[in-house]
Every structure is written in structure tokens, then in C-alpha cells.
Amino acid sequence: MNILISILGTTLDQRGHKYGLNRWNTWRPSVALAMQEDLHFDRYFMIYPPDYERLMKKISEDIKTCSPSTEIIPEAIKMDNPWDFEEVYSKLYDFSQRHDFSSESDNYYIHITTGTHVAQICLFLLNESHHLPGKLIQTQPGESPEGSYNIIDLDLSRYDMLAKRFAIERENDLDFLKSGIATKNKQFNELIETIERVAIRSIEPILLTGPTGAGKSQLAKRIYELKKLNNQIKGEFVNVNCATLRGDQAMSVLFGHKKGSFTGALADRPGLLKKADGGILFLDEIGELGIDEQAMLLRAIEEKKFFPLGADVESESNFELICGTNRDLETAVSEGKFRADLLARINLWDFQLPGLADRREDIEPNLEYELKCFAEKSGKHITFNKEARAEFMHFALDPANSWRGNFRDLNAMITRMATLSSGGRIDEVIVRNEITRSNKNRRTSASDELLTKLLGDNYRSEYDEFDLCQLRKVVEVCRKSNSRAEAGKKLFAVSRIKRNSLNDSDRLGKYLEKFNLTFQQCKDI
């Protein structure tokens, strides 16, 4: 059985009626459907405004003239404002629920030519959601009064072209998030695909984790730009490094303050949360944020409200939040340094960005990206000669190169080499000098990292560089020795020969005590 659902055209269907028999020479969409030779309707649901009942009866008579076997089912629906989307959708939805349109043995057609544009849109939405199942049918005038029609089946495979266009658009979005870099690492590409779906579909906080230099800040900015391109946000991108915020300054920078709220508050300040209203707030290194600021941030996330320092009236800001950290926030929670409730709120979407050493296949495409960025900044097009490029890639792919600074290290190396290049070409000499420099810095960075673990973050302010140079070597020897005695023999070899040292092990132990260290601590680090 073929079943048609249509709205009476109070303008188009009325054409020609005042001319009597001449109306049959005029295209009237509701009647034209009954005049089609290759399409017959067994049941015809006609939705009409109660004020147009007379027209509905005339159109129904003409339909019966063209198709006597068609059963016409009039459905009067009163709409106070046929241009009000909420009312029209509600009334048509109620119509769909009053009838059983679920029979799989019947063929349903929904006519979307008549009625207001709002009604046509609502019929489309009800069809797409399967509240009114079947195919859409659209009619248009022609040389004869029956005109012509087109059937639109939203489930037909011939509409795969639309899906392909959406797929192309999505590929463009993924390419945009990757800054146009043709990355090859499977883990990273899958991560970006997930981030793209979340960025387009969600307004909930996003947490980007990973080592320093892995690209968290750049990715956060690209997410913002993608949302803006898709007209999802209109406000600014506000980037805040939480590691630089302390005490009243942190409260003031984030939440603003009123004049006179503390010493130095000479004027009102709206704060960066307010600045991010309608846009995205990126809190980089959020693990460094103080506990008091965390409490205020939690409320601002949940309620979009907060009190500036010294204010009696709340401020409002409807921002989206992206957070970045290289810390293990779960550990910070267990140590009492980070609020568990805030972590629960910001890690609905938690994405771990891999370091450069974990995606070495992406170094070469990023090499091209860095050269492109250098050209945009300097106005100079720089390339590698073939041999220099091969030598640099050999160094870059060497497992011994840990890329501790990740993309920041790569950017710095390319910038230095491009700056020193002559004639727009980076040659082997420049590459070798840069590799030598990098290896030296890598060794220094590794030893500094060891001292940080042994002495704490502020060790440089507590000890002279003269003492630290000596300590670095002592720690290096201890790590390569099996016992304190063995390490002492290596460190005091000349003294032992001259018999100036009676007990090398004790001497080493007393030296380490000056730094509150033991041999085992140095060995295990």
C-alpha cells in the first residue's frame, strides 16, 4: 500500500479555482500528485488549517476525480503561528504519534512542496528521525498540469556522495588539527581523529597530557580555531600558563579583582576567565595551580560564575575549557596537591600526547613543517642538500637520541641551522656542528635532570656551580659502580697511589653527606 502524507497548499492549491473548469490547466501540487500515471496512492493524509476546510474539500474532490480509488484522510491541525518552529514541530510530531505509521509492508511518502518553509523543514526532520518513515517527495510545475516529481530516499546508497563530501570535510578538519603535517604515526593519527570528533560534538573540558614540548599548546589553539571555523564559538582563545601564577596574583589574573582589594589593586580588573567568555580558556600546566584557585575554578566550570577578589557581585563567563599538564595528576591528588573533584571534572576527555621519541616516523614531515614556518617568519626559503638531510635524519632516528625537549628541540635545531645556512641550503657542516651542540646539551641536560631528582627543583639556588660541577661527576661514577668502595677507588685513584687516602669509601661517604646524599641514592637514581 502506498501512503502519502501532505499539507494542503493554501496558496498553490488554490490557484485556478476561480476559473472553474480552467483549473485543470493549472498546476496544483496536491492534485498533481494524483495525476501521475506511474505513481498511485492508496491512502492520502491531507493536513490542513481548519479555516481552509472549504478548499480542502474542493481539492479532495478533484483528487478523487483523478484517482477514484484513493482514500483521502483529512487531518485538521490548527497552528496559531505557522512560522513558529516550536509550535509547528510539536503539532506535526503529535500527528505522527496519533497514527500507526510503522507497517513495514507499506510504502510511505512525505510531500515537502506545500506548507510554509518551517513546516517543510519539520516534515524533513520527522522523516529523518523516522517518526514519519518513508521517502520524501517533491513536486514542481511543468508544461502540463500534472507537472513532475522527484523522490528523495534518505537511506538510498546513491546519496553516498553526500557521505563522501562529509568524509572529505572531516579529513580537512583532521589535517587542520595537525597543522597540515602528513603524520604517519598510527597512535597519534588515531588520537587526532578522536580529538576531532570530541572538538566538534562536545563543549565539555578537555585535558591534554604529555611531556613538555609534545605540542599541547599548539593543539589547544588548533582545537579553538577548528571550533571557530565551524561557528561553534565566537570568543577569544585565552592562554594561561599556571606555572607563572602565585598567591593573590593568581586569583587576580584568573578571576579579576575590584579596586583596592589588595595592595597594588589600583583599578578594577575583569580577569582572564571573563576575557574567555564565549571562547576557550586554555590552562597550561594546570597541575601548578594552587589549591584555593582550584576550588574557585571548579565552581566557575560547573556554574559559569565566580567572585573576583574583593567583589560582592558574581561575574559570569560562559567559556569552554582545555587544560594541559605534564604532571601525573592522579599522583598529585594522592599527595594532596590537586583536588580530586576538579580532576574528575576536567578529565572527561583525557588525551595523552606521545613524545617525539615515540613517533620518530613523524620527524621527517615535521622537518618540512618547521622549514615552512621558518620561511613564513623570515621570508627566506631554506632547504637541506641531499647529504645533509640524510645525515640529520640518521641522527634524528637514532634510538640514543631521546628528544627530551620533543618538538621544541626540533624547532630550535631547525631554526639554528636555517639561520646559519648560506644560499638557502643547509649543508653537512652545519648539520654536524648542530649535532655536536645537541649531544653536548643532551649530556648536560641529563646530568641536570639527575641533580634535580637528587637535590630538588631549587638546587641551583642552594649550591655554587663550582660544587655542582664536581657533584655531577661524582654521581656519574656512583651510578656506574657496584659499591661505594668501588666508586671511591675510581674517584681517589691518584690519592691511593700516593697513600694520601686511607679509606676511599669513607671519604666518598663524607663528601656525599655535604649534600645530604648517600651512595645508594646516587646509584638508584
Protein backbone atom coordinates (compact mmCIF):
# COMPACT_ATOMS: atom_id res chain seq x y z
CA MET A 1 0.00 0.00 0.00
CA ASN A 2 1.27 3.47 -0.93
CA ILE A 3 0.52 6.11 1.72
CA LEU A 4 1.02 9.86 1.18
CA ILE A 5 1.31 12.49 3.90
CA SER A 6 0.85 16.03 2.59
CA ILE A 7 -0.02 19.54 3.74
CA LEU A 8 -2.72 21.46 1.86
CA GLY A 9 -1.19 24.31 -0.11
CA THR A 10 -3.34 27.27 0.89
CA THR A 11 -1.76 29.34 -1.89
CA LEU A 12 -0.59 26.91 -4.59
CA ASP A 13 -3.58 24.55 -4.36
CA GLN A 14 -6.00 27.47 -4.55
CA ARG A 15 -4.69 28.60 -7.94
CA GLY A 16 -7.19 28.24 -10.77
CA HIS A 17 -10.27 27.54 -8.64
CA LYS A 18 -11.98 30.79 -9.53
CA TYR A 19 -11.71 29.85 -13.22
CA GLY A 20 -13.92 26.79 -12.87
CA LEU A 21 -13.03 24.09 -15.39
CA ASN A 22 -9.90 26.00 -16.36
CA ARG A 23 -8.39 24.97 -13.05
CA TRP A 24 -7.45 21.71 -14.75
CA ASN A 25 -4.99 23.65 -16.86
CA THR A 26 -3.22 24.97 -13.75
CA TRP A 27 -0.55 23.13 -11.76
CA ARG A 28 -1.80 22.48 -8.23
CA PRO A 29 0.70 20.36 -6.26
CA SER A 30 -1.78 18.37 -4.14
CA VAL A 31 -3.89 17.47 -7.17
CA ALA A 32 -0.89 16.97 -9.45
CA LEU A 33 0.28 14.07 -7.28
CA ALA A 34 -2.97 12.22 -8.03
CA MET A 35 -2.50 12.83 -11.77
CA GLN A 36 0.79 10.92 -12.08
CA GLU A 37 0.49 7.93 -14.38
CA ASP A 38 3.34 5.96 -12.80
CA LEU A 39 2.53 6.61 -9.13
CA HIS A 40 -0.70 5.75 -7.33
CA PHE A 41 -1.60 6.43 -3.69
CA ASP A 42 -3.97 4.17 -1.80
CA ARG A 43 -4.29 6.50 1.19
CA TYR A 44 -3.81 10.28 1.19
CA PHE A 45 -3.39 12.06 4.54
CA MET A 46 -4.16 15.73 3.96
CA ILE A 47 -3.14 18.09 6.76
CA TYR A 48 -4.95 21.43 6.56
CA PRO A 49 -5.73 24.52 8.69
CA PRO A 50 -9.37 24.41 9.97
CA ASP A 51 -10.05 27.80 8.34
CA TYR A 52 -9.40 26.23 4.93
CA GLU A 53 -11.85 23.33 5.16
CA ARG A 54 -13.76 24.50 2.07
CA LEU A 55 -10.60 24.48 -0.03
CA MET A 56 -9.64 21.08 1.42
CA LYS A 57 -12.99 19.61 0.27
CA LYS A 58 -12.63 21.04 -3.25
CA ILE A 59 -9.09 19.69 -3.58
CA SER A 60 -10.21 16.32 -2.21
CA GLU A 61 -12.99 16.15 -4.85
CA ASP A 62 -10.52 16.88 -7.62
CA ILE A 63 -8.13 14.22 -6.28
CA LYS A 64 -10.98 11.68 -6.30
CA THR A 65 -11.75 12.68 -9.89
CA CYS A 66 -8.18 11.86 -10.92
CA SER A 67 -7.78 8.81 -8.67
CA PRO A 68 -11.16 7.37 -7.54
CA SER A 69 -9.57 4.53 -5.56
CA THR A 70 -7.51 6.88 -3.35
CA GLU A 71 -8.81 7.16 0.21
CA ILE A 72 -8.46 10.74 1.44
CA ILE A 73 -7.99 11.21 5.18
CA PRO A 74 -8.34 14.88 6.16
CA GLU A 75 -6.45 15.99 9.27
CA ALA A 76 -7.31 19.45 10.64
CA ILE A 77 -4.41 20.96 12.61
CA LYS A 78 -4.71 24.48 13.98
CA MET A 79 -1.48 26.46 14.16
CA ASP A 80 -1.59 29.92 15.72
CA ASN A 81 1.69 30.82 14.02
CA PRO A 82 2.68 28.60 11.07
CA TRP A 83 6.15 30.24 11.12
CA ASP A 84 6.89 29.31 14.73
CA PHE A 85 9.25 26.35 14.57
CA GLU A 86 8.50 25.03 18.07
CA GLU A 87 4.73 25.07 17.55
CA VAL A 88 4.79 23.59 14.04
CA TYR A 89 7.18 20.80 15.00
CA SER A 90 5.13 19.99 18.11
CA LYS A 91 1.85 19.79 16.18
CA LEU A 92 3.30 17.63 13.41
CA TYR A 93 5.03 15.42 15.95
CA ASP A 94 1.70 14.89 17.73
CA PHE A 95 0.17 13.97 14.35
CA SER A 96 2.88 11.34 13.79
CA GLN A 97 2.12 9.83 17.20
CA ARG A 98 -1.65 9.64 16.63
CA HIS A 99 -1.26 7.27 13.69
CA ASP A 100 0.46 3.94 13.27
CA PHE A 101 2.99 4.56 10.51
CA SER A 102 5.14 1.57 11.47
CA SER A 103 3.92 -1.06 8.99
CA GLU A 104 6.91 -2.40 7.05
CA SER A 105 4.64 -3.69 4.28
CA ASP A 106 3.51 -0.15 3.35
CA ASN A 107 5.34 2.48 1.32
CA TYR A 108 5.25 5.96 2.83
CA TYR A 109 5.78 9.26 1.03
CA ILE A 110 6.04 12.68 2.67
CA HIS A 111 5.21 15.62 0.41
CA ILE A 112 7.50 18.61 1.12
CA THR A 113 6.34 21.09 -1.55
CA THR A 114 3.35 22.66 0.18
CA GLY A 115 3.01 24.40 3.55
CA THR A 116 5.36 27.03 4.98
CA HIS A 117 9.12 26.53 4.78
CA VAL A 118 9.05 25.88 8.51
CA ALA A 119 6.52 23.07 8.01
CA GLN A 120 8.64 21.57 5.22
CA ILE A 121 11.71 21.58 7.47
CA CYS A 122 9.75 19.93 10.28
CA LEU A 123 8.50 17.20 7.95
CA PHE A 124 12.08 16.58 6.87
CA LEU A 125 13.26 16.31 10.49
CA LEU A 126 10.43 13.95 11.40
CA ASN A 127 11.28 11.82 8.40
CA GLU A 128 14.99 11.78 9.25
CA SER A 129 14.18 10.69 12.83
CA HIS A 130 11.79 8.00 11.48
CA HIS A 131 8.76 9.45 13.28
CA LEU A 132 7.33 9.77 9.76
CA PRO A 133 9.04 6.93 7.90
CA GLY A 134 9.46 6.59 4.17
CA LYS A 135 10.64 8.74 1.30
CA LEU A 136 10.36 12.44 0.67
CA ILE A 137 8.53 13.51 -2.49
CA GLN A 138 8.82 16.92 -4.08
CA THR A 139 6.68 18.25 -6.94
CA GLN A 140 7.28 21.06 -9.41
CA PRO A 141 5.29 22.66 -12.27
CA GLY A 142 5.87 21.80 -15.91
CA GLU A 143 4.28 22.20 -19.32
CA SER A 144 1.26 20.11 -18.26
CA PRO A 145 -0.92 20.47 -15.11
CA GLU A 146 0.47 17.29 -13.54
CA GLY A 147 3.99 18.74 -13.58
CA SER A 148 6.70 16.37 -12.36
CA TYR A 149 8.01 14.90 -9.12
CA ASN A 150 11.23 13.74 -7.50
CA ILE A 151 11.54 11.12 -4.80
CA ILE A 152 14.24 11.58 -2.18
CA ASP A 153 15.16 8.50 -0.16
CA LEU A 154 17.47 9.49 2.68
CA ASP A 155 18.57 5.86 3.03
CA LEU A 156 19.44 5.29 -0.63
CA SER A 157 23.02 4.37 -1.44
CA ARG A 158 23.02 6.91 -4.29
CA TYR A 159 23.42 9.52 -1.60
CA ASP A 160 26.82 8.10 -0.71
CA MET A 161 28.24 11.12 -2.50
CA LEU A 162 26.98 13.28 0.37
CA ALA A 163 28.70 10.99 2.84
CA LYS A 164 31.87 11.25 0.80
CA ARG A 165 31.69 15.03 0.93
CA PHE A 166 31.33 14.88 4.71
CA ALA A 167 34.29 12.49 4.82
CA ILE A 168 36.37 14.96 2.79
CA GLU A 169 35.34 17.73 5.15
CA ARG A 170 36.35 15.59 8.11
CA GLU A 171 39.71 14.84 6.51
CA ASN A 172 40.19 18.58 6.14
CA ASP A 173 39.40 19.01 9.86
CA LEU A 174 41.94 16.33 10.79
CA ASP A 175 44.53 17.92 8.54
CA PHE A 176 43.77 21.27 10.18
CA LEU A 177 44.33 19.88 13.70
CA LYS A 178 47.69 18.50 12.55
CA SER A 179 48.66 21.89 11.04
CA GLY A 180 48.78 20.28 7.61
CA ILE A 181 51.55 17.87 8.66
CA ALA A 182 51.23 14.46 6.99
CA THR A 183 51.87 12.49 10.18
CA LYS A 184 52.45 8.74 9.87
CA ASN A 185 52.34 7.52 13.47
CA LYS A 186 49.24 5.35 13.84
CA GLN A 187 48.75 6.07 17.55
CA PHE A 188 48.94 9.83 17.02
CA ASN A 189 46.63 9.81 13.98
CA GLU A 190 44.00 7.79 15.86
CA LEU A 191 44.31 10.22 18.76
CA ILE A 192 43.74 13.21 16.47
CA GLU A 193 40.67 11.52 14.94
CA THR A 194 39.15 11.12 18.40
CA ILE A 195 40.01 14.70 19.36
CA GLU A 196 38.37 15.95 16.15
CA ARG A 197 35.10 14.18 16.97
CA VAL A 198 35.15 15.50 20.53
CA ALA A 199 36.01 19.05 19.45
CA ILE A 200 33.07 19.17 17.03
CA ARG A 201 30.49 17.42 19.23
CA SER A 202 31.33 18.37 22.82
CA ILE A 203 31.66 21.52 24.92
CA GLU A 204 32.97 19.66 27.98
CA PRO A 205 36.53 20.25 29.31
CA ILE A 206 39.43 18.59 27.50
CA LEU A 207 42.63 17.52 29.31
CA LEU A 208 45.80 17.26 27.21
CA THR A 209 48.62 15.40 28.95
CA GLY A 210 52.11 14.52 27.82
CA PRO A 211 55.75 15.57 28.17
CA THR A 212 56.93 19.16 27.83
CA GLY A 213 57.22 20.15 24.18
CA ALA A 214 54.84 17.45 22.90
CA GLY A 215 52.61 20.11 21.31
CA LYS A 216 49.81 20.59 23.85
CA SER A 217 49.62 24.37 23.47
CA GLN A 218 49.62 24.24 19.69
CA LEU A 219 46.94 21.53 19.62
CA ALA A 220 44.76 23.52 22.04
CA LYS A 221 44.97 26.54 19.72
CA ARG A 222 44.07 24.40 16.70
CA ILE A 223 41.04 22.98 18.54
CA TYR A 224 39.91 26.54 19.19
CA GLU A 225 40.41 27.53 15.55
CA LEU A 226 38.53 24.42 14.35
CA LYS A 227 35.57 25.23 16.62
CA LYS A 228 35.60 28.81 15.36
CA LEU A 229 35.67 27.70 11.72
CA ASN A 230 32.60 25.58 12.46
CA ASN A 231 30.84 28.58 14.07
CA GLN A 232 30.72 26.84 17.46
CA ILE A 233 32.36 29.66 19.38
CA LYS A 234 32.75 33.40 18.86
CA GLY A 235 35.00 34.48 21.73
CA GLU A 236 38.77 34.58 22.16
CA PHE A 237 41.42 31.94 22.82
CA VAL A 238 42.94 32.82 26.20
CA ASN A 239 46.21 31.03 27.01
CA VAL A 240 47.30 30.94 30.67
CA ASN A 241 50.50 29.33 31.99
CA CYS A 242 49.53 28.36 35.54
CA ALA A 243 53.18 27.80 36.50
CA THR A 244 53.64 31.58 36.46
CA LEU A 245 50.74 32.30 38.84
CA ARG A 246 51.23 32.61 42.59
CA GLY A 247 49.15 33.95 45.53
CA ASP A 248 46.90 36.99 45.04
CA GLN A 249 48.36 37.38 41.59
CA ALA A 250 46.88 34.04 40.54
CA MET A 251 43.42 34.95 41.85
CA SER A 252 43.58 38.38 40.22
CA VAL A 253 44.84 37.15 36.84
CA LEU A 254 42.26 34.39 36.58
CA PHE A 255 39.18 35.78 38.32
CA GLY A 256 39.82 39.52 38.32
CA HIS A 257 39.65 41.93 41.23
CA LYS A 258 37.98 45.10 42.45
CA LYS A 259 39.91 48.27 43.03
CA GLY A 260 41.51 48.30 46.48
CA SER A 261 41.01 44.59 47.12
CA PHE A 262 44.75 44.24 47.86
CA THR A 263 47.90 46.36 47.84
CA GLY A 264 48.55 47.47 44.28
CA ALA A 265 44.97 46.95 43.05
CA LEU A 266 44.60 50.47 41.68
CA ALA A 267 41.73 49.70 39.29
CA ASP A 268 39.13 47.03 38.56
CA ARG A 269 40.39 44.05 36.57
CA PRO A 270 37.97 41.66 34.80
CA GLY A 271 40.33 38.63 34.80
CA LEU A 272 41.13 36.07 32.11
CA LEU A 273 38.10 33.86 32.80
CA LYS A 274 35.92 36.82 31.87
CA LYS A 275 38.07 37.53 28.83
CA ALA A 276 37.43 33.96 27.65
CA ASP A 277 33.63 34.45 27.73
CA GLY A 278 32.20 32.83 24.61
CA GLY A 279 35.60 31.37 23.69
CA ILE A 280 38.17 28.92 25.05
CA LEU A 281 40.30 29.17 28.17
CA PHE A 282 43.49 27.11 27.94
CA LEU A 283 45.08 26.47 31.33
CA ASP A 284 48.54 25.13 30.57
CA GLU A 285 50.41 23.38 33.42
CA ILE A 286 47.20 23.23 35.44
CA GLY A 287 48.96 20.93 37.92
CA GLU A 288 50.83 24.02 39.17
CA LEU A 289 47.65 25.86 40.14
CA GLY A 290 47.18 26.49 43.87
CA ILE A 291 44.51 24.69 45.91
CA ASP A 292 42.47 27.87 46.53
CA GLU A 293 42.46 28.72 42.84
CA GLN A 294 41.45 25.13 42.06
CA ALA A 295 38.36 25.47 44.27
CA MET A 296 37.26 28.68 42.55
CA LEU A 297 37.97 27.20 39.12
CA LEU A 298 35.80 24.17 39.87
CA ARG A 299 32.80 26.38 40.64
CA ALA A 300 33.47 28.51 37.56
CA ILE A 301 33.48 25.39 35.38
CA GLU A 302 30.27 23.98 36.85
CA GLU A 303 28.23 27.15 37.31
CA LYS A 304 29.96 29.60 34.94
CA LYS A 305 30.07 32.04 37.88
CA PHE A 306 32.83 33.30 40.20
CA PHE A 307 33.66 36.13 42.57
CA PRO A 308 36.51 38.48 41.58
CA LEU A 309 38.77 39.37 44.51
CA GLY A 310 37.04 41.92 46.75
CA ALA A 311 33.75 41.74 44.83
CA ASP A 312 30.27 41.34 46.34
CA VAL A 313 28.66 40.62 42.98
CA GLU A 314 29.39 37.49 40.95
CA SER A 315 30.86 37.65 37.49
CA GLU A 316 29.74 35.29 34.73
CA SER A 317 31.66 33.72 31.87
CA ASN A 318 30.45 31.01 29.51
CA PHE A 319 33.83 29.63 28.43
CA GLU A 320 34.96 26.24 27.18
CA LEU A 321 38.00 24.78 28.95
CA ILE A 322 41.12 22.99 27.73
CA CYS A 323 43.79 22.03 30.27
CA GLY A 324 47.36 20.92 29.70
CA THR A 325 49.85 19.24 32.03
CA ASN A 326 53.00 17.14 32.03
CA ARG A 327 52.30 16.06 35.61
CA ASP A 328 50.65 12.88 36.85
CA LEU A 329 47.54 14.50 38.34
CA GLU A 330 46.42 11.25 39.99
CA THR A 331 49.67 11.26 41.99
CA ALA A 332 49.17 14.96 42.75
CA VAL A 333 45.72 14.12 44.15
CA SER A 334 47.15 11.39 46.39
CA GLU A 335 49.77 13.87 47.64
CA GLY A 336 47.10 16.48 48.42
CA LYS A 337 48.40 18.88 45.78
CA PHE A 338 45.42 18.64 43.43
CA ARG A 339 41.70 18.45 44.12
CA ALA A 340 40.10 15.11 43.27
CA ASP A 341 36.78 16.77 42.40
CA LEU A 342 38.47 19.16 39.97
CA LEU A 343 40.35 16.32 38.30
CA ALA A 344 37.09 14.40 37.93
CA ARG A 345 35.57 17.45 36.25
CA ILE A 346 38.35 18.22 33.76
CA ASN A 347 39.31 14.73 32.61
CA LEU A 348 36.06 13.66 30.96
CA TRP A 349 38.12 13.83 27.77
CA ASP A 350 41.75 12.94 28.60
CA PHE A 351 44.23 12.71 25.72
CA GLN A 352 47.85 11.63 26.22
CA LEU A 353 50.11 13.14 23.56
CA PRO A 354 53.14 10.98 22.75
CA GLY A 355 56.61 12.50 22.79
CA LEU A 356 58.67 12.90 19.62
CA ALA A 357 60.83 9.88 20.50
CA ASP A 358 57.69 7.71 20.44
CA ARG A 359 56.75 8.85 16.93
CA ARG A 360 60.04 9.10 15.09
CA GLU A 361 58.33 8.38 11.76
CA ASP A 362 56.79 11.86 12.11
CA ILE A 363 60.14 13.66 12.40
CA GLU A 364 60.62 14.00 8.63
CA PRO A 365 57.17 15.53 7.89
CA ASN A 366 57.66 17.84 10.89
CA LEU A 367 61.04 18.78 9.43
CA GLU A 368 59.23 20.16 6.38
CA TYR A 369 56.72 21.95 8.63
CA GLU A 370 59.48 23.65 10.64
CA LEU A 371 61.22 24.81 7.46
CA LYS A 372 57.91 26.19 6.21
CA CYS A 373 57.36 28.06 9.49
CA PHE A 374 60.89 29.49 9.30
CA ALA A 375 60.21 30.71 5.75
CA GLU A 376 56.97 32.41 6.84
CA LYS A 377 58.75 34.24 9.67
CA SER A 378 61.97 35.16 7.89
CA GLY A 379 60.84 35.42 4.29
CA LYS A 380 63.67 33.05 3.31
CA HIS A 381 63.12 29.67 1.68
CA ILE A 382 65.59 27.17 3.18
CA THR A 383 66.19 23.53 2.21
CA PHE A 384 68.68 20.75 3.04
CA ASN A 385 71.04 19.42 0.43
CA LYS A 386 70.64 15.67 -0.07
CA GLU A 387 73.65 14.59 2.01
CA ALA A 388 72.90 16.98 4.88
CA ARG A 389 69.32 15.82 5.07
CA ALA A 390 70.34 12.18 5.19
CA GLU A 391 72.87 12.91 7.96
CA PHE A 392 70.35 14.83 10.04
CA MET A 393 67.71 12.12 9.66
CA HIS A 394 70.25 9.48 10.74
CA PHE A 395 70.83 11.49 13.92
CA ALA A 396 67.10 12.15 14.43
CA LEU A 397 66.13 8.48 14.11
CA ASP A 398 68.95 7.18 16.31
CA PRO A 399 67.38 5.50 19.40
CA ALA A 400 70.16 7.04 21.51
CA ASN A 401 68.63 10.46 20.80
CA SER A 402 65.86 10.76 23.40
CA TRP A 403 64.43 14.07 22.09
CA ARG A 404 63.94 15.16 25.69
CA GLY A 405 62.56 18.57 24.67
CA ASN A 406 60.41 16.98 21.96
CA PHE A 407 59.21 19.40 19.25
CA ARG A 408 60.81 22.36 21.00
CA ASP A 409 64.20 20.73 20.46
CA LEU A 410 63.40 20.02 16.81
CA ASN A 411 62.20 23.59 16.26
CA ALA A 412 65.34 25.04 17.89
CA MET A 413 67.66 22.86 15.81
CA ILE A 414 65.95 23.72 12.52
CA THR A 415 65.89 27.43 13.40
CA ARG A 416 69.61 27.46 14.17
CA MET A 417 70.59 25.52 11.05
CA ALA A 418 68.33 27.57 8.77
CA THR A 419 69.69 30.82 10.21
CA LEU A 420 73.30 29.78 9.62
CA SER A 421 72.71 28.40 6.13
CA SER A 422 74.20 30.14 3.09
CA GLY A 423 72.42 30.47 -0.22
CA GLY A 424 69.26 28.93 1.14
CA ARG A 425 70.86 25.50 1.67
CA ILE A 426 71.73 23.63 4.87
CA ASP A 427 74.92 21.63 4.23
CA GLU A 428 76.70 18.79 6.04
CA VAL A 429 78.99 21.11 8.03
CA ILE A 430 76.06 22.95 9.54
CA VAL A 431 74.31 19.67 10.37
CA ARG A 432 77.42 18.18 12.02
CA ASN A 433 78.01 21.31 14.12
CA GLU A 434 74.38 21.24 15.26
CA ILE A 435 74.57 17.55 16.15
CA THR A 436 77.73 18.16 18.20
CA ARG A 437 76.00 21.01 20.02
CA SER A 438 72.90 18.90 20.63
CA ASN A 439 74.89 15.96 22.03
CA LYS A 440 76.73 18.26 24.42
CA ASN A 441 73.50 19.86 25.61
CA ARG A 442 71.89 16.44 25.94
CA ARG A 443 74.61 15.24 28.28
CA THR A 444 74.34 18.42 30.36
CA SER A 445 70.55 18.19 30.46
CA ALA A 446 70.68 14.56 31.55
CA SER A 447 73.05 15.34 34.43
CA ASP A 448 70.95 18.35 35.45
CA GLU A 449 67.89 16.14 35.50
CA LEU A 450 69.69 13.72 37.83
CA LEU A 451 70.65 16.56 40.21
CA THR A 452 67.06 17.81 40.21
CA LYS A 453 65.86 14.38 41.29
CA LEU A 454 68.53 14.17 43.99
CA LEU A 455 68.52 17.74 45.32
CA GLY A 456 65.12 19.16 44.37
CA ASP A 457 63.94 21.81 41.89
CA ASN A 458 65.75 24.71 43.57
CA TYR A 459 69.21 23.14 43.89
CA ARG A 460 70.88 25.85 41.77
CA SER A 461 69.93 28.49 44.33
CA GLU A 462 71.42 26.45 47.20
CA TYR A 463 74.82 25.39 45.79
CA ASP A 464 77.60 27.11 43.86
CA GLU A 465 78.15 25.98 40.28
CA PHE A 466 81.74 25.11 41.36
CA ASP A 467 80.36 22.45 43.74
CA LEU A 468 77.72 21.25 41.28
CA CYS A 469 80.29 20.56 38.55
CA GLN A 470 82.15 18.25 40.93
CA LEU A 471 78.97 16.61 42.18
CA ARG A 472 77.83 15.78 38.64
CA LYS A 473 80.98 13.74 38.06
CA VAL A 474 80.70 12.00 41.46
CA VAL A 475 77.09 11.00 40.74
CA GLU A 476 78.07 9.72 37.29
CA VAL A 477 80.79 7.48 38.80
CA CYS A 478 78.48 6.21 41.57
CA ARG A 479 75.84 5.18 39.01
CA LYS A 480 78.43 3.13 37.11
CA SER A 481 79.86 1.42 40.22
CA ASN A 482 78.62 -1.64 42.08
CA SER A 483 79.59 -0.40 45.54
CA ARG A 484 80.70 2.70 47.41
CA ALA A 485 84.17 1.17 47.77
CA GLU A 486 84.45 0.67 44.01
CA ALA A 487 83.32 4.24 43.36
CA GLY A 488 85.83 5.55 45.92
CA LYS A 489 88.69 3.72 44.25
CA LYS A 490 87.81 5.33 40.89
CA LEU A 491 87.40 8.83 42.33
CA PHE A 492 90.51 8.80 44.54
CA ALA A 493 92.84 6.64 42.41
CA VAL A 494 95.78 9.08 42.49
CA SER A 495 95.45 9.63 46.27
CA ARG A 496 95.51 5.84 46.79
CA ILE A 497 98.75 5.53 44.81
CA LYS A 498 100.35 8.34 46.82
CA ARG A 499 98.82 6.82 50.00
CA ASN A 500 97.18 10.16 50.81
CA SER A 501 93.83 8.45 51.33
CA LEU A 502 93.36 5.69 53.92
CA ASN A 503 89.71 4.87 53.27
CA ASP A 504 88.24 5.82 49.89
CA SER A 505 84.77 4.58 50.77
CA ASP A 506 84.51 6.73 53.93
CA ARG A 507 85.91 9.72 52.09
CA LEU A 508 83.20 9.40 49.41
CA GLY A 509 80.52 8.95 52.05
CA LYS A 510 81.59 12.14 53.89
CA TYR A 511 81.62 14.07 50.61
CA LEU A 512 78.07 13.00 49.76
CA GLU A 513 76.89 13.88 53.28
CA LYS A 514 77.57 17.56 52.49
CA PHE A 515 74.64 17.32 50.05
CA ASN A 516 72.56 15.08 52.33
CA LEU A 517 73.06 12.22 49.89
CA THR A 518 74.10 8.58 50.11
CA PHE A 519 75.85 6.32 47.63
CA GLN A 520 72.69 4.23 47.26
CA GLN A 521 70.63 7.29 46.35
CA CYS A 522 73.12 8.16 43.62
CA LYS A 523 73.25 4.57 42.45
CA ASP A 524 69.47 4.10 42.26
CA ILE A 525 68.60 7.38 40.55
